[in-house]
């Protein structure tokens, strides 16, 4: 059994995710893995569990968030209205 590093649940079906830097992380469910490892959208803060959109060195959950940030002037986005 392994203990989830997010919620502390000791679960016999826990799994380990090894990140690119070689570190292993134990979780009892995908929800906890997403909470710990998925990047947050630079605009709305939701966890990006799909491909997302990378723009100006930031990660966004969707193109709408990229456009919203460009209008707010928080980031410089070449080619964005």
C-alpha atoms as a PDB file:
ATOM      1  CA  UNK A   1       0.000   0.000   0.000  1.00  0.00           C
ATOM      2  CA  UNK A   2       1.059   3.566  -0.634  1.00  0.00           C
ATOM      3  CA  UNK A   3      -0.043   6.823   0.929  1.00  0.00           C
ATOM      4  CA  UNK A   4      -1.369   9.567  -1.340  1.00  0.00           C
ATOM      5  CA  UNK A   5       0.862  12.627  -1.105  1.00  0.00           C
ATOM      6  CA  UNK A   6      -2.132  14.968  -1.515  1.00  0.00           C
ATOM      7  CA  UNK A   7      -4.875  13.601   0.733  1.00  0.00           C
ATOM      8  CA  UNK A   8      -2.938  11.151   2.901  1.00  0.00           C
ATOM      9  CA  UNK A   9      -5.193   8.211   2.076  1.00  0.00           C
ATOM     10  CA  UNK A  10      -3.458   4.854   2.507  1.00  0.00           C
ATOM     11  CA  UNK A  11      -4.820   2.851  -0.418  1.00  0.00           C
ATOM     12  CA  UNK A  12      -4.002  -0.599  -1.777  1.00  0.00           C
ATOM     13  CA  UNK A  13      -4.639   0.534  -5.380  1.00  0.00           C
ATOM     14  CA  UNK A  14      -2.472   3.669  -5.218  1.00  0.00           C
ATOM     15  CA  UNK A  15      -0.219   4.393  -8.185  1.00  0.00           C
ATOM     16  CA  UNK A  16       3.009   6.252  -8.764  1.00  0.00           C
ATOM     17  CA  UNK A  17       3.664   8.929 -11.374  1.00  0.00           C
ATOM     18  CA  UNK A  18       7.288   9.523 -12.309  1.00  0.00           C
ATOM     19  CA  UNK A  19       7.908  13.064 -13.543  1.00  0.00           C
ATOM     20  CA  UNK A  20      10.510  14.114 -16.126  1.00  0.00           C
ATOM     21  CA  UNK A  21      12.994  14.916 -13.355  1.00  0.00           C
ATOM     22  CA  UNK A  22      12.822  11.297 -12.168  1.00  0.00           C
ATOM     23  CA  UNK A  23      10.870  11.932  -8.972  1.00  0.00           C
ATOM     24  CA  UNK A  24       8.049   9.550  -8.106  1.00  0.00           C
ATOM     25  CA  UNK A  25       4.744  10.763  -6.657  1.00  0.00           C
ATOM     26  CA  UNK A  26       2.186   8.441  -5.045  1.00  0.00           C
ATOM     27  CA  UNK A  27      -1.540   9.091  -5.460  1.00  0.00           C
ATOM     28  CA  UNK A  28      -4.743   7.250  -4.661  1.00  0.00           C
ATOM     29  CA  UNK A  29      -6.741   8.762  -7.557  1.00  0.00           C
ATOM     30  CA  UNK A  30      -6.348  10.840 -10.707  1.00  0.00           C
ATOM     31  CA  UNK A  31      -8.008  13.809  -8.993  1.00  0.00           C
ATOM     32  CA  UNK A  32      -5.149  14.049  -6.502  1.00  0.00           C
ATOM     33  CA  UNK A  33      -2.539  13.549  -9.239  1.00  0.00           C
ATOM     34  CA  UNK A  34      -4.069  16.366 -11.281  1.00  0.00           C
ATOM     35  CA  UNK A  35      -4.203  18.641  -8.231  1.00  0.00           C
ATOM     36  CA  UNK A  36      -0.515  18.058  -7.526  1.00  0.00           C
ATOM     37  CA  UNK A  37       1.007  17.878 -11.009  1.00  0.00           C
ATOM     38  CA  UNK A  38      -1.136  19.624 -13.630  1.00  0.00           C
ATOM     39  CA  UNK A  39      -0.233  23.228 -14.402  1.00  0.00           C
ATOM     40  CA  UNK A  40      -2.739  25.961 -13.559  1.00  0.00           C
ATOM     41  CA  UNK A  41      -4.104  28.281 -16.248  1.00  0.00           C
ATOM     42  CA  UNK A  42      -2.329  31.649 -16.060  1.00  0.00           C
ATOM     43  CA  UNK A  43      -5.687  33.422 -16.427  1.00  0.00           C
ATOM     44  CA  UNK A  44      -8.441  31.519 -14.621  1.00  0.00           C
ATOM     45  CA  UNK A  45      -6.375  29.174 -12.451  1.00  0.00           C
ATOM     46  CA  UNK A  46      -8.130  25.945 -13.457  1.00  0.00           C
ATOM     47  CA  UNK A  47      -5.945  22.868 -13.821  1.00  0.00           C
ATOM     48  CA  UNK A  48      -4.925  22.174 -17.408  1.00  0.00           C
ATOM     49  CA  UNK A  49      -5.491  18.453 -17.918  1.00  0.00           C
ATOM     50  CA  UNK A  50      -5.534  18.505 -21.719  1.00  0.00           C
ATOM     51  CA  UNK A  51      -3.089  20.026 -24.156  1.00  0.00           C
ATOM     52  CA  UNK A  52      -3.863  23.608 -23.181  1.00  0.00           C
ATOM     53  CA  UNK A  53      -2.387  26.597 -24.982  1.00  0.00           C
ATOM     54  CA  UNK A  54       1.122  27.883 -24.417  1.00  0.00           C
ATOM     55  CA  UNK A  55       1.636  31.554 -25.204  1.00  0.00           C
ATOM     56  CA  UNK A  56       4.376  33.929 -24.120  1.00  0.00           C
ATOM     57  CA  UNK A  57       5.868  31.364 -21.759  1.00  0.00           C
ATOM     58  CA  UNK A  58       2.560  30.870 -19.924  1.00  0.00           C
ATOM     59  CA  UNK A  59       0.113  27.964 -20.034  1.00  0.00           C
ATOM     60  CA  UNK A  60      -3.611  28.550 -20.495  1.00  0.00           C
ATOM     61  CA  UNK A  61      -6.539  26.143 -20.471  1.00  0.00           C
ATOM     62  CA  UNK A  62      -7.980  27.563 -23.709  1.00  0.00           C
ATOM     63  CA  UNK A  63      -7.576  30.233 -26.354  1.00  0.00           C
ATOM     64  CA  UNK A  64     -10.321  32.342 -24.731  1.00  0.00           C
ATOM     65  CA  UNK A  65      -8.151  32.765 -21.630  1.00  0.00           C
ATOM     66  CA  UNK A  66      -5.186  33.755 -23.819  1.00  0.00           C
ATOM     67  CA  UNK A  67      -7.331  36.405 -25.551  1.00  0.00           C
ATOM     68  CA  UNK A  68      -8.714  37.665 -22.244  1.00  0.00           C
ATOM     69  CA  UNK A  69      -5.217  38.117 -20.832  1.00  0.00           C
ATOM     70  CA  UNK A  70      -4.094  39.945 -23.995  1.00  0.00           C
ATOM     71  CA  UNK A  71      -7.016  42.386 -23.657  1.00  0.00           C
ATOM     72  CA  UNK A  72      -6.203  42.918 -19.972  1.00  0.00           C
ATOM     73  CA  UNK A  73      -2.629  43.835 -20.941  1.00  0.00           C
ATOM     74  CA  UNK A  74      -1.169  41.380 -18.457  1.00  0.00           C
ATOM     75  CA  UNK A  75       0.918  39.651 -21.130  1.00  0.00           C
ATOM     76  CA  UNK A  76       2.362  40.634 -24.453  1.00  0.00           C
ATOM     77  CA  UNK A  77       1.054  38.305 -27.176  1.00  0.00           C
ATOM     78  CA  UNK A  78       2.432  38.879 -30.649  1.00  0.00           C
ATOM     79  CA  UNK A  79      -0.250  38.491 -33.273  1.00  0.00           C
ATOM     80  CA  UNK A  80      -3.146  38.577 -30.834  1.00  0.00           C
ATOM     81  CA  UNK A  81      -5.852  41.272 -31.118  1.00  0.00           C
END
